[in-house]
Amino acid sequence: MKNQLLDRVQKYVNTDHFSGVVYIRKENQLILHKAFGYAHRGLKVSNQIQTKFDTASITKVFTAVGILQLVENYGLNLHSKVHDLIDLSHTNIDSHVTIYQLLTHTSGIGDDADEEAGEDYEAIWQSKPNYMMKKTTDYLEQFVYKDANFPPGEGCRYNNCAYILLGLIIEKLTNMSYHDYIRTFIFEKASMQDTQFGRMDEVIEGVAEHYVSEYDEQGNVTGYRKNIYSYPFIGSADAGALTTASDLALFLQALAEGKLLNKKYTEQLFKPHELYQKYQDYSSWMGYGFQYMIHYESENIFYRYKDGNNAGVSCTMNVYPENDVTIIILSNQDSDVWTLADELQEIVKEGESIDH
């Protein structure tokens, strides 16, 4: 099976310019953990299994866990109005928006870049220097005056800046910065020693550079550019934590073992809450940070996941509960890690039936 998995990944290296790390675990057995491509193209430095990658929106799961910790330990109510917790007066954020709606992408609030409408997140930084984005409050002016997409609770639309507001709630209730809180109560508790929020101008050992593919008129990749002007220079409550595949595996393990949340709120975290989209064989649901694909026929969860997609960043963290399989793929280039994860899961599943 391992050779089949390696061959499939190598196909994506050759044809889809995959560069990064693949981690696959079945039950308690590590099946594959291997690095591919370059962490630094200029110096031809190869990626290693302990290379740190930008995880884009996977960071939202850390924020969701932080919020549920406040529910568990601070008495926060998920149905509390956001306006009652942070000052959003004189903005276009509806006074009825709740924490639950922010978590599940059902708030309807405007986003800094509405990617579902085809807006480009990179375009924000053409007019605003990305080095200005240092604190959670720095993001507010980019979205709080935008019109809502729909009234609170009357739709489901992926929204990055909803998680910025959740980050501000964490700061307000704990009197800590978002970065300090997540480091202390999630990264350290889960023994994630290779995970952090790092500035672009900071010297951090083992961090990959991230590259955006450049194409000719025929769609062929002609080269790469660094993505240093494509997103804020330090991660925030909606995106940008730096981590390794093995640290994400430790995070999932800490959740499963109840190290980050008690049983009640762990179950809430691992539960789909709002229908997002329908496909031919599956429906897609939003949870708290995590998203879910559910079989129509069996109504069982096919997989729980969180992914990230930014210029030069492609990653996904998938858990398949029926087969107890975890697949984590982190890439520092544009690559279809989602289809790759699907294909690797099929190989593991088929290999399982052959073995038995």
Protein backbone atom coordinates (compact mmCIF):
# COMPACT_ATOMS: atom_id res chain seq x y z
CA MET A 1 0.00 0.00 0.00
CA LYS A 2 2.80 2.43 0.86
CA ASN A 3 4.25 2.19 -2.64
CA GLN A 4 0.82 2.90 -4.12
CA LEU A 5 0.47 5.97 -1.92
CA LEU A 6 3.93 7.22 -2.84
CA ASP A 7 3.25 6.69 -6.54
CA ARG A 8 0.04 8.68 -6.29
CA VAL A 9 1.71 11.58 -4.51
CA GLN A 10 4.57 11.53 -7.00
CA LYS A 11 2.02 11.88 -9.79
CA TYR A 12 0.91 15.17 -8.23
CA VAL A 13 4.51 16.26 -7.81
CA ASN A 14 5.07 15.65 -11.53
CA THR A 15 1.81 16.98 -12.98
CA ASP A 16 0.32 19.32 -10.36
CA HIS A 17 3.52 20.86 -8.95
CA PHE A 18 2.83 19.52 -5.47
CA SER A 19 5.42 20.53 -2.90
CA GLY A 20 4.92 19.81 0.77
CA VAL A 21 4.26 17.07 3.30
CA VAL A 22 1.81 14.17 3.32
CA TYR A 23 0.81 12.50 6.59
CA ILE A 24 -1.48 9.44 6.72
CA ARG A 25 -2.46 7.55 9.85
CA LYS A 26 -4.79 4.56 10.15
CA GLU A 27 -5.93 3.94 13.72
CA ASN A 28 -2.67 3.95 15.70
CA GLN A 29 -0.45 3.11 12.74
CA LEU A 30 1.49 5.77 10.82
CA ILE A 31 1.23 4.69 7.18
CA LEU A 32 3.00 7.56 5.44
CA HIS A 33 4.82 10.71 6.52
CA LYS A 34 6.98 12.12 3.77
CA ALA A 35 8.14 15.46 2.37
CA PHE A 36 8.32 16.47 -1.28
CA GLY A 37 9.64 19.46 -3.19
CA TYR A 38 11.43 22.56 -2.00
CA ALA A 39 11.02 24.69 1.11
CA HIS A 40 13.26 27.29 -0.58
CA ARG A 41 13.42 27.17 -4.36
CA GLY A 42 16.17 29.75 -4.66
CA LEU A 43 18.63 27.77 -2.55
CA LYS A 44 17.18 24.36 -3.49
CA VAL A 45 16.46 23.52 0.16
CA SER A 46 14.17 20.50 0.33
CA ASN A 47 11.05 20.28 2.44
CA GLN A 48 11.40 18.04 5.52
CA ILE A 49 8.67 16.33 7.51
CA GLN A 50 9.21 18.93 10.27
CA THR A 51 9.05 21.91 7.91
CA LYS A 52 6.53 24.51 9.07
CA PHE A 53 3.85 25.58 6.58
CA ASP A 54 1.31 28.36 6.47
CA THR A 55 -2.06 26.70 7.08
CA ALA A 56 -4.38 29.50 5.93
CA SER A 57 -7.94 28.76 7.12
CA ILE A 58 -7.08 25.64 9.11
CA THR A 59 -6.39 28.28 11.78
CA LYS A 60 -10.16 28.75 12.12
CA VAL A 61 -10.37 25.45 14.01
CA PHE A 62 -8.00 26.81 16.66
CA THR A 63 -10.26 29.86 17.01
CA ALA A 64 -13.36 27.67 17.29
CA VAL A 65 -11.75 25.57 20.02
CA GLY A 66 -10.76 28.79 21.84
CA ILE A 67 -14.38 29.99 21.76
CA LEU A 68 -15.68 26.66 23.07
CA GLN A 69 -13.11 26.82 25.87
CA LEU A 70 -14.64 30.17 26.85
CA VAL A 71 -18.09 28.57 26.82
CA GLU A 72 -16.80 25.77 29.03
CA ASN A 73 -14.70 27.84 31.41
CA TYR A 74 -15.96 31.44 31.26
CA GLY A 75 -19.70 30.85 30.94
CA LEU A 76 -19.88 32.34 27.44
CA ASN A 77 -23.20 31.61 25.69
CA LEU A 78 -23.00 30.65 22.02
CA HIS A 79 -26.28 32.44 21.41
CA SER A 80 -25.08 35.71 22.90
CA LYS A 81 -25.24 38.73 20.63
CA VAL A 82 -21.84 39.85 19.39
CA HIS A 83 -22.80 43.51 20.00
CA ASP A 84 -23.17 42.69 23.70
CA LEU A 85 -19.56 41.54 23.88
CA ILE A 86 -17.55 43.91 21.69
CA ASP A 87 -18.18 47.47 20.55
CA LEU A 88 -19.55 47.39 17.01
CA SER A 89 -21.65 50.55 17.25
CA HIS A 90 -21.90 52.64 14.08
CA THR A 91 -21.03 49.61 11.92
CA ASN A 92 -23.11 47.50 9.52
CA ILE A 93 -22.82 44.39 11.69
CA ASP A 94 -26.42 43.42 12.47
CA SER A 95 -27.25 43.68 16.18
CA HIS A 96 -28.82 40.20 16.09
CA VAL A 97 -25.65 38.35 14.98
CA THR A 98 -24.69 35.66 17.49
CA ILE A 99 -21.48 33.79 18.27
CA TYR A 100 -23.07 30.59 16.95
CA GLN A 101 -23.75 32.28 13.60
CA LEU A 102 -20.16 33.50 13.36
CA LEU A 103 -18.88 29.99 14.04
CA THR A 104 -21.15 28.34 11.45
CA HIS A 105 -20.90 30.97 8.69
CA THR A 106 -24.59 31.86 9.03
CA SER A 107 -24.16 35.46 10.24
CA GLY A 108 -24.58 37.02 6.80
CA ILE A 109 -22.05 39.78 7.54
CA GLY A 110 -19.91 41.25 4.77
CA ASP A 111 -16.42 39.83 4.28
CA ASP A 112 -13.15 41.61 3.50
CA ALA A 113 -12.91 39.61 0.26
CA ASP A 114 -16.08 37.75 -0.70
CA GLU A 115 -14.42 34.74 -2.28
CA GLU A 116 -17.76 33.07 -2.98
CA ALA A 117 -18.54 36.08 -5.20
CA GLY A 118 -15.19 35.74 -6.95
CA GLU A 119 -13.34 38.52 -5.11
CA ASP A 120 -9.58 38.06 -4.83
CA TYR A 121 -8.05 38.18 -1.34
CA GLU A 122 -4.69 39.18 -2.82
CA ALA A 123 -6.25 42.33 -4.28
CA ILE A 124 -6.76 43.81 -0.80
CA TRP A 125 -3.03 44.28 -0.39
CA GLN A 126 -2.61 46.21 -3.62
CA SER A 127 -3.95 49.30 -1.89
CA LYS A 128 -3.17 48.56 1.75
CA PRO A 129 0.28 47.54 3.02
CA ASN A 130 0.05 44.09 4.57
CA TYR A 131 2.58 45.01 7.27
CA MET A 132 -0.09 47.25 8.83
CA MET A 133 -2.06 44.20 9.96
CA LYS A 134 -0.56 43.51 13.37
CA LYS A 135 -3.53 43.28 15.77
CA THR A 136 -6.95 41.69 15.50
CA THR A 137 -8.60 45.12 15.61
CA ASP A 138 -6.64 46.18 12.50
CA TYR A 139 -8.97 44.05 10.36
CA LEU A 140 -12.22 45.71 11.39
CA GLU A 141 -12.32 48.57 8.91
CA GLN A 142 -12.02 46.10 6.04
CA PHE A 143 -15.46 44.57 6.61
CA VAL A 144 -17.59 46.12 9.36
CA TYR A 145 -18.99 48.84 7.06
CA LYS A 146 -19.91 46.46 4.26
CA ASP A 147 -23.51 45.51 3.56
CA ALA A 148 -24.76 42.15 4.81
CA ASN A 149 -25.28 39.28 2.38
CA PHE A 150 -28.43 38.14 4.19
CA PRO A 151 -30.13 38.57 7.59
CA PRO A 152 -28.50 36.62 10.46
CA GLY A 153 -29.40 32.94 10.42
CA GLU A 154 -31.11 33.04 7.01
CA GLY A 155 -28.33 31.57 4.90
CA CYS A 156 -24.92 29.92 4.98
CA ARG A 157 -21.98 31.61 3.24
CA TYR A 158 -18.31 31.04 3.99
CA ASN A 159 -16.98 34.09 5.80
CA ASN A 160 -13.41 34.75 6.92
CA CYS A 161 -14.02 37.89 8.94
CA ALA A 162 -16.62 36.20 11.14
CA TYR A 163 -13.60 34.56 12.75
CA ILE A 164 -11.90 37.92 13.22
CA LEU A 165 -14.86 38.89 15.43
CA LEU A 166 -14.49 35.59 17.31
CA GLY A 167 -10.82 36.43 17.87
CA LEU A 168 -11.84 39.80 19.32
CA ILE A 169 -14.26 38.05 21.68
CA ILE A 170 -11.43 35.83 22.91
CA GLU A 171 -9.33 38.93 23.56
CA LYS A 172 -12.14 40.77 25.32
CA LEU A 173 -13.05 37.95 27.71
CA THR A 174 -9.50 36.83 28.55
CA ASN A 175 -7.58 40.14 28.50
CA MET A 176 -4.98 38.35 26.39
CA SER A 177 -3.99 38.86 22.78
CA TYR A 178 -5.46 36.28 20.42
CA HIS A 179 -1.98 34.95 19.64
CA ASP A 180 -1.06 34.57 23.31
CA TYR A 181 -4.33 32.83 24.18
CA ILE A 182 -4.14 30.29 21.36
CA ARG A 183 -0.47 29.58 22.09
CA THR A 184 -1.08 29.07 25.83
CA PHE A 185 -4.36 27.16 25.83
CA ILE A 186 -4.17 25.22 22.58
CA PHE A 187 -0.65 24.90 21.17
CA GLU A 188 1.03 24.30 24.53
CA LYS A 189 -1.72 22.04 25.88
CA ALA A 190 -1.53 19.90 22.75
CA SER A 191 2.31 19.81 22.86
CA MET A 192 2.46 21.53 19.45
CA GLN A 193 6.04 22.72 19.82
CA ASP A 194 6.46 23.51 16.12
CA THR A 195 3.36 25.69 15.80
CA GLN A 196 3.22 29.46 16.09
CA PHE A 197 2.10 32.77 14.66
CA GLY A 198 5.21 34.21 13.05
CA ARG A 199 5.82 37.52 11.31
CA MET A 200 7.11 37.59 7.74
CA ASP A 201 10.08 39.69 8.85
CA GLU A 202 10.92 37.31 11.69
CA VAL A 203 13.68 34.71 11.43
CA ILE A 204 11.94 31.40 12.18
CA GLU A 205 13.76 28.11 11.87
CA GLY A 206 12.32 25.58 9.46
CA VAL A 207 9.57 27.66 7.80
CA ALA A 208 8.94 27.05 4.11
CA GLU A 209 8.67 29.87 1.64
CA HIS A 210 5.36 29.79 -0.22
CA TYR A 211 5.09 30.17 -3.98
CA VAL A 212 2.38 31.24 -6.42
CA SER A 213 2.49 29.60 -9.83
CA GLU A 214 2.83 31.79 -12.91
CA TYR A 215 1.34 30.57 -16.21
CA ASP A 216 1.70 31.20 -19.91
CA GLU A 217 -1.23 31.58 -22.32
CA GLN A 218 -1.46 27.80 -22.74
CA GLY A 219 -1.81 27.26 -19.00
CA ASN A 220 1.68 25.90 -18.46
CA VAL A 221 3.59 26.87 -15.33
CA THR A 222 6.50 29.11 -16.35
CA GLY A 223 7.78 30.03 -12.90
CA TYR A 224 6.92 31.02 -9.36
CA ARG A 225 6.72 34.14 -7.24
CA LYS A 226 6.79 34.45 -3.46
CA ASN A 227 3.47 35.27 -1.81
CA ILE A 228 4.87 37.82 0.69
CA TYR A 229 2.53 40.55 -0.61
CA SER A 230 -0.51 38.29 -0.80
CA TYR A 231 -1.72 38.21 2.80
CA PRO A 232 -1.09 39.83 6.24
CA PHE A 233 2.43 39.54 7.56
CA ILE A 234 1.30 37.60 10.64
CA GLY A 235 -1.52 35.12 11.06
CA SER A 236 -4.82 36.09 12.62
CA ALA A 237 -7.97 34.48 14.00
CA ASP A 238 -9.14 33.47 10.54
CA ALA A 239 -5.90 32.26 8.92
CA GLY A 240 -2.14 32.02 8.90
CA ALA A 241 -0.81 29.86 11.74
CA LEU A 242 2.49 28.15 10.93
CA THR A 243 2.63 24.45 11.76
CA THR A 244 3.73 20.96 10.76
CA ALA A 245 1.71 17.93 9.75
CA SER A 246 2.79 16.09 12.90
CA ASP A 247 1.70 19.00 15.10
CA LEU A 248 -1.73 19.00 13.46
CA ALA A 249 -1.90 15.28 14.23
CA LEU A 250 -1.07 16.10 17.87
CA PHE A 251 -3.86 18.70 17.85
CA LEU A 252 -6.39 16.15 16.61
CA GLN A 253 -5.15 13.65 19.19
CA ALA A 254 -5.46 16.23 22.00
CA LEU A 255 -9.05 16.90 20.96
CA ALA A 256 -9.89 13.20 20.85
CA GLU A 257 -8.36 12.67 24.30
CA GLY A 258 -10.25 15.59 25.87
CA LYS A 259 -7.15 17.68 26.59
CA LEU A 260 -8.58 20.85 25.05
CA LEU A 261 -12.32 20.54 25.70
CA ASN A 262 -14.52 18.43 27.93
CA LYS A 263 -16.62 15.62 26.48
CA LYS A 264 -19.71 17.79 25.90
CA TYR A 265 -17.98 20.47 23.89
CA THR A 266 -15.70 18.04 22.06
CA GLU A 267 -18.86 16.34 20.82
CA GLN A 268 -20.23 19.74 19.78
CA LEU A 269 -17.01 20.46 17.89
CA PHE A 270 -17.21 17.12 16.09
CA LYS A 271 -20.82 17.65 15.02
CA PRO A 272 -22.18 19.22 11.81
CA HIS A 273 -24.53 22.13 12.52
CA GLU A 274 -25.64 23.93 9.35
CA LEU A 275 -26.23 22.70 5.79
CA TYR A 276 -23.86 24.47 3.41
CA GLN A 277 -24.07 22.88 -0.05
CA LYS A 278 -25.51 19.83 -1.79
CA TYR A 279 -23.61 17.62 -4.23
CA GLN A 280 -24.49 14.49 -6.19
CA ASP A 281 -23.72 11.96 -3.46
CA TYR A 282 -22.92 14.11 -0.43
CA SER A 283 -24.05 17.17 1.42
CA SER A 284 -21.59 19.66 2.87
CA TRP A 285 -22.18 21.01 6.38
CA MET A 286 -20.62 23.69 8.53
CA GLY A 287 -19.62 22.95 12.09
CA TYR A 288 -17.58 24.93 14.59
CA GLY A 289 -14.43 25.52 12.56
CA PHE A 290 -14.60 22.05 11.01
CA GLN A 291 -16.63 21.24 7.91
CA TYR A 292 -18.32 17.94 7.08
CA MET A 293 -19.14 15.77 4.09
CA ILE A 294 -22.11 13.48 4.74
CA HIS A 295 -23.36 10.53 2.67
CA TYR A 296 -26.94 11.01 1.44
CA GLU A 297 -27.58 7.26 1.50
CA SER A 298 -26.26 6.38 4.95
CA GLU A 299 -26.45 9.85 6.53
CA ASN A 300 -23.07 9.05 8.10
CA ILE A 301 -20.18 11.48 8.18
CA PHE A 302 -17.82 10.59 5.31
CA TYR A 303 -15.16 12.91 6.65
CA ARG A 304 -14.59 15.85 8.94
CA TYR A 305 -12.10 18.38 7.66
CA LYS A 306 -10.67 21.85 7.60
CA ASP A 307 -8.73 23.13 4.67
CA GLY A 308 -6.83 26.24 3.68
CA ASN A 309 -6.33 27.93 0.35
CA ASN A 310 -4.37 31.13 -0.15
CA ALA A 311 -1.92 32.34 -2.76
CA GLY A 312 0.90 29.80 -2.48
CA VAL A 313 -0.88 27.85 0.26
CA SER A 314 -2.88 24.64 -0.22
CA CYS A 315 -3.66 22.37 2.71
CA THR A 316 -6.24 20.05 4.15
CA MET A 317 -6.71 18.10 7.39
CA ASN A 318 -9.19 15.25 6.92
CA VAL A 319 -10.53 12.72 9.43
CA TYR A 320 -12.52 9.75 8.10
CA PRO A 321 -14.38 8.37 11.17
CA GLU A 322 -15.79 5.25 9.48
CA ASN A 323 -12.28 3.92 8.80
CA ASP A 324 -10.37 5.82 11.50
CA VAL A 325 -8.09 7.39 8.90
CA THR A 326 -6.40 10.78 9.18
CA ILE A 327 -4.90 12.48 6.14
CA ILE A 328 -3.02 15.77 6.47
CA ILE A 329 -1.52 17.46 3.42
CA LEU A 330 0.38 20.75 3.63
CA SER A 331 1.70 22.42 0.47
CA ASN A 332 3.74 25.58 -0.09
CA GLN A 333 2.59 25.87 -3.70
CA ASP A 334 -0.75 25.97 -5.51
CA SER A 335 -1.81 22.34 -5.80
CA ASP A 336 -5.01 20.30 -5.74
CA VAL A 337 -4.48 18.74 -2.33
CA TRP A 338 -8.22 18.06 -2.04
CA THR A 339 -8.41 15.57 -4.91
CA LEU A 340 -5.09 14.11 -3.79
CA ALA A 341 -6.54 13.48 -0.32
CA ASP A 342 -9.60 11.79 -1.86
CA GLU A 343 -7.41 9.50 -3.96
CA LEU A 344 -5.11 8.62 -1.05
CA GLN A 345 -8.12 7.77 1.10
CA GLU A 346 -9.39 5.39 -1.58
CA ILE A 347 -6.03 3.64 -1.71
CA VAL A 348 -6.01 3.21 2.07
CA LYS A 349 -9.59 1.93 2.00
CA GLU A 350 -8.91 -0.56 -0.81
CA GLY A 351 -5.68 -1.70 0.83
CA GLU A 352 -7.62 -2.29 4.02
CA SER A 353 -10.07 -4.64 2.30
CA ILE A 354 -7.23 -6.48 0.55
CA ASP A 355 -5.36 -6.92 3.84
CA HIS A 356 -8.42 -8.51 5.42
